[in-house]
Amino acid sequence: MKKSYQKGDKVLVESWGLPIVKVTLTKRYLKTGSGLGVDGWEAQITIKKEVEKLRANGVPYNKGEKPTVFVADWQIIKKCR
C-alpha cells in the first residue's frame, strides 16, 4: 500500500550513505509531467541540526543555509511530527 503525503508534511528521508534527516515537503512532482523519471517531492531542510549533520558528512552546504532538495518517494521513511 502506497503512503499518502501532502504539502507541508514533515518526513524522515534516507539518502546514499548519509544520515537520515527530517525535511518539509513543499511541492509534488510526478514522473509523467516533470521529466525526472521518478515520483517525488521538492523539500526543504529547515532544522539547523539536520543541515549540520549533512555538512559533517561532506555535503557542501553553507552554515545557516536551509537548502531545497529533491526527495524521491522511495527515500521517504515515515511521517514525523
PDB file of N, CA and C in Angstrom:
ATOM      1  N   MET A   1       0.835  -1.189   0.000  1.00  0.00           N
ATOM      2  CA  MET A   1       0.000   0.000   0.000  1.00  0.00           C
ATOM      3  C   MET A   1       0.877   1.250   0.000  1.00  0.00           C
ATOM      4  N   LYS A   2       0.622   2.154  -0.902  1.00  0.00           N
ATOM      5  CA  LYS A   2       1.409   3.373  -1.028  1.00  0.00           C
ATOM      6  C   LYS A   2       0.929   4.416  -0.014  1.00  0.00           C
ATOM      7  N   LYS A   3       1.861   5.053   0.662  1.00  0.00           N
ATOM      8  CA  LYS A   3       1.511   6.079   1.646  1.00  0.00           C
ATOM      9  C   LYS A   3       1.220   7.399   0.957  1.00  0.00           C
ATOM     10  N   SER A   4       0.361   8.177   1.570  1.00  0.00           N
ATOM     11  CA  SER A   4      -0.028   9.459   1.005  1.00  0.00           C
ATOM     12  C   SER A   4       0.560  10.592   1.837  1.00  0.00           C
ATOM     13  N   TYR A   5       1.233  11.499   1.171  1.00  0.00           N
ATOM     14  CA  TYR A   5       1.814  12.656   1.839  1.00  0.00           C
ATOM     15  C   TYR A   5       1.256  13.921   1.209  1.00  0.00           C
ATOM     16  N   GLN A   6       1.283  15.011   1.981  1.00  0.00           N
ATOM     17  CA  GLN A   6       0.766  16.279   1.499  1.00  0.00           C
ATOM     18  C   GLN A   6       1.810  17.365   1.692  1.00  0.00           C
ATOM     19  N   LYS A   7       1.618  18.457   0.949  1.00  0.00           N
ATOM     20  CA  LYS A   7       2.487  19.626   1.093  1.00  0.00           C
ATOM     21  C   LYS A   7       2.475  20.063   2.553  1.00  0.00           C
ATOM     22  N   GLY A   8       3.655  20.340   3.102  1.00  0.00           N
ATOM     23  CA  GLY A   8       3.781  20.764   4.492  1.00  0.00           C
ATOM     24  C   GLY A   8       4.074  19.640   5.471  1.00  0.00           C
ATOM     25  N   ASP A   9       3.944  18.377   5.030  1.00  0.00           N
ATOM     26  CA  ASP A   9       4.259  17.250   5.913  1.00  0.00           C
ATOM     27  C   ASP A   9       5.746  17.238   6.220  1.00  0.00           C
ATOM     28  N   LYS A  10       6.077  16.865   7.445  1.00  0.00           N
ATOM     29  CA  LYS A  10       7.467  16.670   7.844  1.00  0.00           C
ATOM     30  C   LYS A  10       7.725  15.165   7.821  1.00  0.00           C
ATOM     31  N   VAL A  11       8.780  14.766   7.106  1.00  0.00           N
ATOM     32  CA  VAL A  11       9.086  13.345   6.952  1.00  0.00           C
ATOM     33  C   VAL A  11      10.571  13.083   7.174  1.00  0.00           C
ATOM     34  N   LEU A  12      10.888  11.840   7.540  1.00  0.00           N
ATOM     35  CA  LEU A  12      12.274  11.401   7.631  1.00  0.00           C
ATOM     36  C   LEU A  12      12.650  10.788   6.289  1.00  0.00           C
ATOM     37  N   VAL A  13      13.824  11.145   5.786  1.00  0.00           N
ATOM     38  CA  VAL A  13      14.278  10.613   4.499  1.00  0.00           C
ATOM     39  C   VAL A  13      15.685  10.028   4.624  1.00  0.00           C
ATOM     40  N   GLU A  14      15.947   9.047   3.764  1.00  0.00           N
ATOM     41  CA  GLU A  14      17.279   8.448   3.718  1.00  0.00           C
ATOM     42  C   GLU A  14      17.940   8.802   2.397  1.00  0.00           C
ATOM     43  N   SER A  15      19.249   8.753   2.394  1.00  0.00           N
ATOM     44  CA  SER A  15      19.992   9.044   1.183  1.00  0.00           C
ATOM     45  C   SER A  15      21.173   8.086   1.101  1.00  0.00           C
ATOM     46  N   TRP A  16      21.895   8.110  -0.008  1.00  0.00           N
ATOM     47  CA  TRP A  16      23.013   7.199  -0.211  1.00  0.00           C
ATOM     48  C   TRP A  16      24.145   7.499   0.764  1.00  0.00           C
ATOM     49  N   GLY A  17      24.316   6.640   1.759  1.00  0.00           N
ATOM     50  CA  GLY A  17      25.451   6.733   2.662  1.00  0.00           C
ATOM     51  C   GLY A  17      25.470   7.942   3.580  1.00  0.00           C
ATOM     52  N   LEU A  18      24.372   8.684   3.655  1.00  0.00           N
ATOM     53  CA  LEU A  18      24.316   9.864   4.514  1.00  0.00           C
ATOM     54  C   LEU A  18      23.334   9.622   5.649  1.00  0.00           C
ATOM     55  N   PRO A  19      23.385  10.430   6.695  1.00  0.00           N
ATOM     56  CA  PRO A  19      22.462  10.230   7.811  1.00  0.00           C
ATOM     57  C   PRO A  19      21.012  10.513   7.410  1.00  0.00           C
ATOM     58  N   ILE A  20      20.094   9.939   8.164  1.00  0.00           N
ATOM     59  CA  ILE A  20      18.660  10.186   7.973  1.00  0.00           C
ATOM     60  C   ILE A  20      18.365  11.599   8.468  1.00  0.00           C
ATOM     61  N   VAL A  21      17.614  12.371   7.666  1.00  0.00           N
ATOM     62  CA  VAL A  21      17.291  13.750   8.044  1.00  0.00           C
ATOM     63  C   VAL A  21      15.791  14.014   7.904  1.00  0.00           C
ATOM     64  N   LYS A  22      15.335  15.047   8.612  1.00  0.00           N
ATOM     65  CA  LYS A  22      13.939  15.464   8.562  1.00  0.00           C
ATOM     66  C   LYS A  22      13.816  16.627   7.586  1.00  0.00           C
ATOM     67  N   VAL A  23      12.822  16.535   6.688  1.00  0.00           N
ATOM     68  CA  VAL A  23      12.570  17.597   5.715  1.00  0.00           C
ATOM     69  C   VAL A  23      11.086  17.944   5.719  1.00  0.00           C
ATOM     70  N   THR A  24      10.767  19.120   5.178  1.00  0.00           N
ATOM     71  CA  THR A  24       9.381  19.538   4.991  1.00  0.00           C
ATOM     72  C   THR A  24       9.074  19.503   3.503  1.00  0.00           C
ATOM     73  N   LEU A  25       8.018  18.762   3.136  1.00  0.00           N
ATOM     74  CA  LEU A  25       7.640  18.623   1.730  1.00  0.00           C
ATOM     75  C   LEU A  25       7.009  19.921   1.239  1.00  0.00           C
ATOM     76  N   THR A  26       7.443  20.417   0.058  1.00  0.00           N
ATOM     77  CA  THR A  26       6.937  21.700  -0.430  1.00  0.00           C
ATOM     78  C   THR A  26       6.215  21.624  -1.771  1.00  0.00           C
ATOM     79  N   LYS A  27       6.634  20.707  -2.671  1.00  0.00           N
ATOM     80  CA  LYS A  27       5.993  20.646  -3.986  1.00  0.00           C
ATOM     81  C   LYS A  27       6.094  19.230  -4.535  1.00  0.00           C
ATOM     82  N   ARG A  28       4.998  18.708  -5.071  1.00  0.00           N
ATOM     83  CA  ARG A  28       4.929  17.346  -5.597  1.00  0.00           C
ATOM     84  C   ARG A  28       5.339  17.306  -7.076  1.00  0.00           C
ATOM     85  N   TYR A  29       6.090  16.278  -7.447  1.00  0.00           N
ATOM     86  CA  TYR A  29       6.466  16.038  -8.842  1.00  0.00           C
ATOM     87  C   TYR A  29       6.085  14.606  -9.210  1.00  0.00           C
ATOM     88  N   LEU A  30       5.434  14.453 -10.355  1.00  0.00           N
ATOM     89  CA  LEU A  30       5.110  13.126 -10.878  1.00  0.00           C
ATOM     90  C   LEU A  30       5.958  12.867 -12.107  1.00  0.00           C
ATOM     91  N   LYS A  31       6.413  11.631 -12.258  1.00  0.00           N
ATOM     92  CA  LYS A  31       7.345  11.331 -13.352  1.00  0.00           C
ATOM     93  C   LYS A  31       6.757  11.600 -14.730  1.00  0.00           C
ATOM     94  N   THR A  32       5.443  11.542 -14.867  1.00  0.00           N
ATOM     95  CA  THR A  32       4.837  11.740 -16.184  1.00  0.00           C
ATOM     96  C   THR A  32       4.949  13.182 -16.671  1.00  0.00           C
ATOM     97  N   GLY A  33       4.879  14.171 -15.768  1.00  0.00           N
ATOM     98  CA  GLY A  33       4.897  15.562 -16.200  1.00  0.00           C
ATOM     99  C   GLY A  33       6.184  16.312 -15.931  1.00  0.00           C
ATOM    100  N   SER A  34       7.037  15.767 -15.091  1.00  0.00           N
ATOM    101  CA  SER A  34       8.217  16.521 -14.671  1.00  0.00           C
ATOM    102  C   SER A  34       9.459  16.242 -15.508  1.00  0.00           C
ATOM    103  N   GLY A  35       9.497  15.109 -16.175  1.00  0.00           N
ATOM    104  CA  GLY A  35      10.679  14.744 -16.940  1.00  0.00           C
ATOM    105  C   GLY A  35      11.792  14.169 -16.080  1.00  0.00           C
ATOM    106  N   LEU A  36      11.519  13.947 -14.794  1.00  0.00           N
ATOM    107  CA  LEU A  36      12.545  13.428 -13.886  1.00  0.00           C
ATOM    108  C   LEU A  36      12.657  11.908 -13.926  1.00  0.00           C
ATOM    109  N   GLY A  37      11.595  11.211 -14.333  1.00  0.00           N
ATOM    110  CA  GLY A  37      11.639   9.756 -14.394  1.00  0.00           C
ATOM    111  C   GLY A  37      11.322   9.072 -13.086  1.00  0.00           C
ATOM    112  N   VAL A  38      10.979   9.844 -12.054  1.00  0.00           N
ATOM    113  CA  VAL A  38      10.649   9.266 -10.751  1.00  0.00           C
ATOM    114  C   VAL A  38       9.681  10.203 -10.030  1.00  0.00           C
ATOM    115  N   ASP A  39       8.731   9.614  -9.303  1.00  0.00           N
ATOM    116  CA  ASP A  39       7.825  10.426  -8.490  1.00  0.00           C
ATOM    117  C   ASP A  39       8.570  10.893  -7.243  1.00  0.00           C
ATOM    118  N   GLY A  40       8.278  12.119  -6.812  1.00  0.00           N
ATOM    119  CA  GLY A  40       8.950  12.618  -5.623  1.00  0.00           C
ATOM    120  C   GLY A  40       8.469  13.987  -5.215  1.00  0.00           C
ATOM    121  N   TRP A  41       9.238  14.613  -4.358  1.00  0.00           N
ATOM    122  CA  TRP A  41       8.896  15.900  -3.765  1.00  0.00           C
ATOM    123  C   TRP A  41      10.078  16.856  -3.774  1.00  0.00           C
ATOM    124  N   GLU A  42       9.773  18.135  -3.942  1.00  0.00           N
ATOM    125  CA  GLU A  42      10.739  19.174  -3.607  1.00  0.00           C
ATOM    126  C   GLU A  42      10.553  19.371  -2.113  1.00  0.00           C
ATOM    127  N   ALA A  43      11.622  19.458  -1.379  1.00  0.00           N
ATOM    128  CA  ALA A  43      11.531  19.561   0.078  1.00  0.00           C
ATOM    129  C   ALA A  43      12.596  20.525   0.589  1.00  0.00           C
ATOM    130  N   GLN A  44      12.393  21.001   1.801  1.00  0.00           N
ATOM    131  CA  GLN A  44      13.367  21.915   2.390  1.00  0.00           C
ATOM    132  C   GLN A  44      13.811  21.378   3.739  1.00  0.00           C
ATOM    133  N   ILE A  45      15.118  21.449   3.954  1.00  0.00           N
ATOM    134  CA  ILE A  45      15.679  21.083   5.255  1.00  0.00           C
ATOM    135  C   ILE A  45      15.654  22.355   6.093  1.00  0.00           C
ATOM    136  N   THR A  46      14.783  22.406   7.083  1.00  0.00           N
ATOM    137  CA  THR A  46      14.582  23.646   7.843  1.00  0.00           C
ATOM    138  C   THR A  46      15.242  23.631   9.216  1.00  0.00           C
ATOM    139  N   ILE A  47      15.670  22.465   9.672  1.00  0.00           N
ATOM    140  CA  ILE A  47      16.265  22.363  11.009  1.00  0.00           C
ATOM    141  C   ILE A  47      17.788  22.474  10.898  1.00  0.00           C
ATOM    142  N   LYS A  48      18.337  23.429  11.619  1.00  0.00           N
ATOM    143  CA  LYS A  48      19.775  23.725  11.578  1.00  0.00           C
ATOM    144  C   LYS A  48      20.626  22.484  11.881  1.00  0.00           C
ATOM    145  N   LYS A  49      20.214  21.682  12.865  1.00  0.00           N
ATOM    146  CA  LYS A  49      20.968  20.477  13.240  1.00  0.00           C
ATOM    147  C   LYS A  49      21.040  19.470  12.095  1.00  0.00           C
ATOM    148  N   GLU A  50      19.961  19.387  11.323  1.00  0.00           N
ATOM    149  CA  GLU A  50      19.931  18.451  10.198  1.00  0.00           C
ATOM    150  C   GLU A  50      20.940  18.868   9.125  1.00  0.00           C
ATOM    151  N   VAL A  51      21.011  20.173   8.855  1.00  0.00           N
ATOM    152  CA  VAL A  51      21.978  20.683   7.875  1.00  0.00           C
ATOM    153  C   VAL A  51      23.395  20.430   8.379  1.00  0.00           C
ATOM    154  N   GLU A  52      23.614  20.632   9.659  1.00  0.00           N
ATOM    155  CA  GLU A  52      24.945  20.409  10.239  1.00  0.00           C
ATOM    156  C   GLU A  52      25.353  18.941  10.144  1.00  0.00           C
ATOM    157  N   LYS A  53      24.389  18.011  10.311  1.00  0.00           N
ATOM    158  CA  LYS A  53      24.689  16.576  10.158  1.00  0.00           C
ATOM    159  C   LYS A  53      25.193  16.287   8.748  1.00  0.00           C
ATOM    160  N   LEU A  54      24.541  16.876   7.767  1.00  0.00           N
ATOM    161  CA  LEU A  54      24.961  16.665   6.381  1.00  0.00           C
ATOM    162  C   LEU A  54      26.309  17.308   6.092  1.00  0.00           C
ATOM    163  N   ARG A  55      26.525  18.513   6.629  1.00  0.00           N
ATOM    164  CA  ARG A  55      27.824  19.190   6.445  1.00  0.00           C
ATOM    165  C   ARG A  55      28.955  18.357   7.037  1.00  0.00           C
ATOM    166  N   ALA A  56      28.686  17.724   8.195  1.00  0.00           N
ATOM    167  CA  ALA A  56      29.698  16.893   8.844  1.00  0.00           C
ATOM    168  C   ALA A  56      30.042  15.664   7.993  1.00  0.00           C
ATOM    169  N   ASN A  57      29.127  15.278   7.112  1.00  0.00           N
ATOM    170  CA  ASN A  57      29.353  14.130   6.226  1.00  0.00           C
ATOM    171  C   ASN A  57      29.798  14.550   4.826  1.00  0.00           C
ATOM    172  N   GLY A  58      30.208  15.803   4.664  1.00  0.00           N
ATOM    173  CA  GLY A  58      30.811  16.246   3.421  1.00  0.00           C
ATOM    174  C   GLY A  58      29.890  16.915   2.408  1.00  0.00           C
ATOM    175  N   VAL A  59      28.617  17.138   2.761  1.00  0.00           N
ATOM    176  CA  VAL A  59      27.719  17.816   1.826  1.00  0.00           C
ATOM    177  C   VAL A  59      28.034  19.312   1.876  1.00  0.00           C
ATOM    178  N   PRO A  60      28.276  19.946   0.720  1.00  0.00           N
ATOM    179  CA  PRO A  60      28.759  21.334   0.715  1.00  0.00           C
ATOM    180  C   PRO A  60      27.671  22.398   0.897  1.00  0.00           C
ATOM    181  N   TYR A  61      26.962  22.359   2.013  1.00  0.00           N
ATOM    182  CA  TYR A  61      26.000  23.417   2.335  1.00  0.00           C
ATOM    183  C   TYR A  61      26.705  24.475   3.169  1.00  0.00           C
ATOM    184  N   ASN A  62      26.238  25.717   3.050  1.00  0.00           N
ATOM    185  CA  ASN A  62      26.791  26.795   3.868  1.00  0.00           C
ATOM    186  C   ASN A  62      26.176  26.761   5.251  1.00  0.00           C
ATOM    187  N   LYS A  63      26.914  27.249   6.217  1.00  0.00           N
ATOM    188  CA  LYS A  63      26.414  27.306   7.589  1.00  0.00           C
ATOM    189  C   LYS A  63      25.186  28.216   7.624  1.00  0.00           C
ATOM    190  N   GLY A  64      24.116  27.749   8.272  1.00  0.00           N
ATOM    191  CA  GLY A  64      22.900  28.527   8.392  1.00  0.00           C
ATOM    192  C   GLY A  64      21.962  28.428   7.193  1.00  0.00           C
ATOM    193  N   GLU A  65      22.378  27.717   6.151  1.00  0.00           N
ATOM    194  CA  GLU A  65      21.562  27.568   4.946  1.00  0.00           C
ATOM    195  C   GLU A  65      20.390  26.622   5.214  1.00  0.00           C
ATOM    196  N   LYS A  66      19.251  26.860   4.555  1.00  0.00           N
ATOM    197  CA  LYS A  66      18.096  25.966   4.598  1.00  0.00           C
ATOM    198  C   LYS A  66      17.870  25.467   3.175  1.00  0.00           C
ATOM    199  N   PRO A  67      18.626  24.432   2.771  1.00  0.00           N
ATOM    200  CA  PRO A  67      18.621  24.009   1.378  1.00  0.00           C
ATOM    201  C   PRO A  67      17.317  23.356   0.925  1.00  0.00           C
ATOM    202  N   THR A  68      17.021  23.550  -0.356  1.00  0.00           N
ATOM    203  CA  THR A  68      15.913  22.869  -1.003  1.00  0.00           C
ATOM    204  C   THR A  68      16.494  21.657  -1.716  1.00  0.00           C
ATOM    205  N   VAL A  69      15.849  20.493  -1.541  1.00  0.00           N
ATOM    206  CA  VAL A  69      16.350  19.239  -2.096  1.00  0.00           C
ATOM    207  C   VAL A  69      15.228  18.506  -2.811  1.00  0.00           C
ATOM    208  N   PHE A  70      15.577  17.532  -3.656  1.00  0.00           N
ATOM    209  CA  PHE A  70      14.588  16.651  -4.261  1.00  0.00           C
ATOM    210  C   PHE A  70      14.616  15.332  -3.507  1.00  0.00           C
ATOM    211  N   VAL A  71      13.433  14.835  -3.143  1.00  0.00           N
ATOM    212  CA  VAL A  71      13.299  13.575  -2.420  1.00  0.00           C
ATOM    213  C   VAL A  71      12.410  12.649  -3.246  1.00  0.00           C
ATOM    214  N   ALA A  72      12.963  11.523  -3.688  1.00  0.00           N
ATOM    215  CA  ALA A  72      12.160  10.524  -4.400  1.00  0.00           C
ATOM    216  C   ALA A  72      11.247   9.835  -3.386  1.00  0.00           C
ATOM    217  N   ASP A  73      10.095   9.371  -3.849  1.00  0.00           N
ATOM    218  CA  ASP A  73       9.139   8.711  -2.945  1.00  0.00           C
ATOM    219  C   ASP A  73       9.776   7.559  -2.176  1.00  0.00           C
ATOM    220  N   TRP A  74      10.654   6.795  -2.827  1.00  0.00           N
ATOM    221  CA  TRP A  74      11.255   5.637  -2.160  1.00  0.00           C
ATOM    222  C   TRP A  74      12.242   6.022  -1.059  1.00  0.00           C
ATOM    223  N   GLN A  75      12.652   7.296  -1.006  1.00  0.00           N
ATOM    224  CA  GLN A  75      13.572   7.744   0.040  1.00  0.00           C
ATOM    225  C   GLN A  75      12.850   8.125   1.330  1.00  0.00           C
ATOM    226  N   ILE A  76      11.529   8.280   1.279  1.00  0.00           N
ATOM    227  CA  ILE A  76      10.767   8.668   2.465  1.00  0.00           C
ATOM    228  C   ILE A  76      10.584   7.446   3.362  1.00  0.00           C
ATOM    229  N   ILE A  77      11.005   7.594   4.625  1.00  0.00           N
ATOM    230  CA  ILE A  77      10.907   6.502   5.590  1.00  0.00           C
ATOM    231  C   ILE A  77       9.543   6.548   6.280  1.00  0.00           C
ATOM    232  N   LYS A  78       9.223   7.706   6.863  1.00  0.00           N
ATOM    233  CA  LYS A  78       7.936   7.842   7.555  1.00  0.00           C
ATOM    234  C   LYS A  78       7.650   9.298   7.831  1.00  0.00           C
ATOM    235  N   LYS A  79       6.387   9.573   8.113  1.00  0.00           N
ATOM    236  CA  LYS A  79       5.940  10.896   8.504  1.00  0.00           C
ATOM    237  C   LYS A  79       6.299  11.096   9.976  1.00  0.00           C
ATOM    238  N   CYS A  80       6.675  12.308  10.339  1.00  0.00           N
ATOM    239  CA  CYS A  80       7.010  12.583  11.730  1.00  0.00           C
ATOM    240  C   CYS A  80       6.387  13.903  12.174  1.00  0.00           C
ATOM    241  N   ARG A  81       6.554  14.230  13.414  1.00  0.00           N
ATOM    242  CA  ARG A  81       5.965  15.458  13.966  1.00  0.00           C
ATOM    243  C   ARG A  81       6.820  16.662  13.703  1.00  0.00           C
TER     244      ARG A  81
END
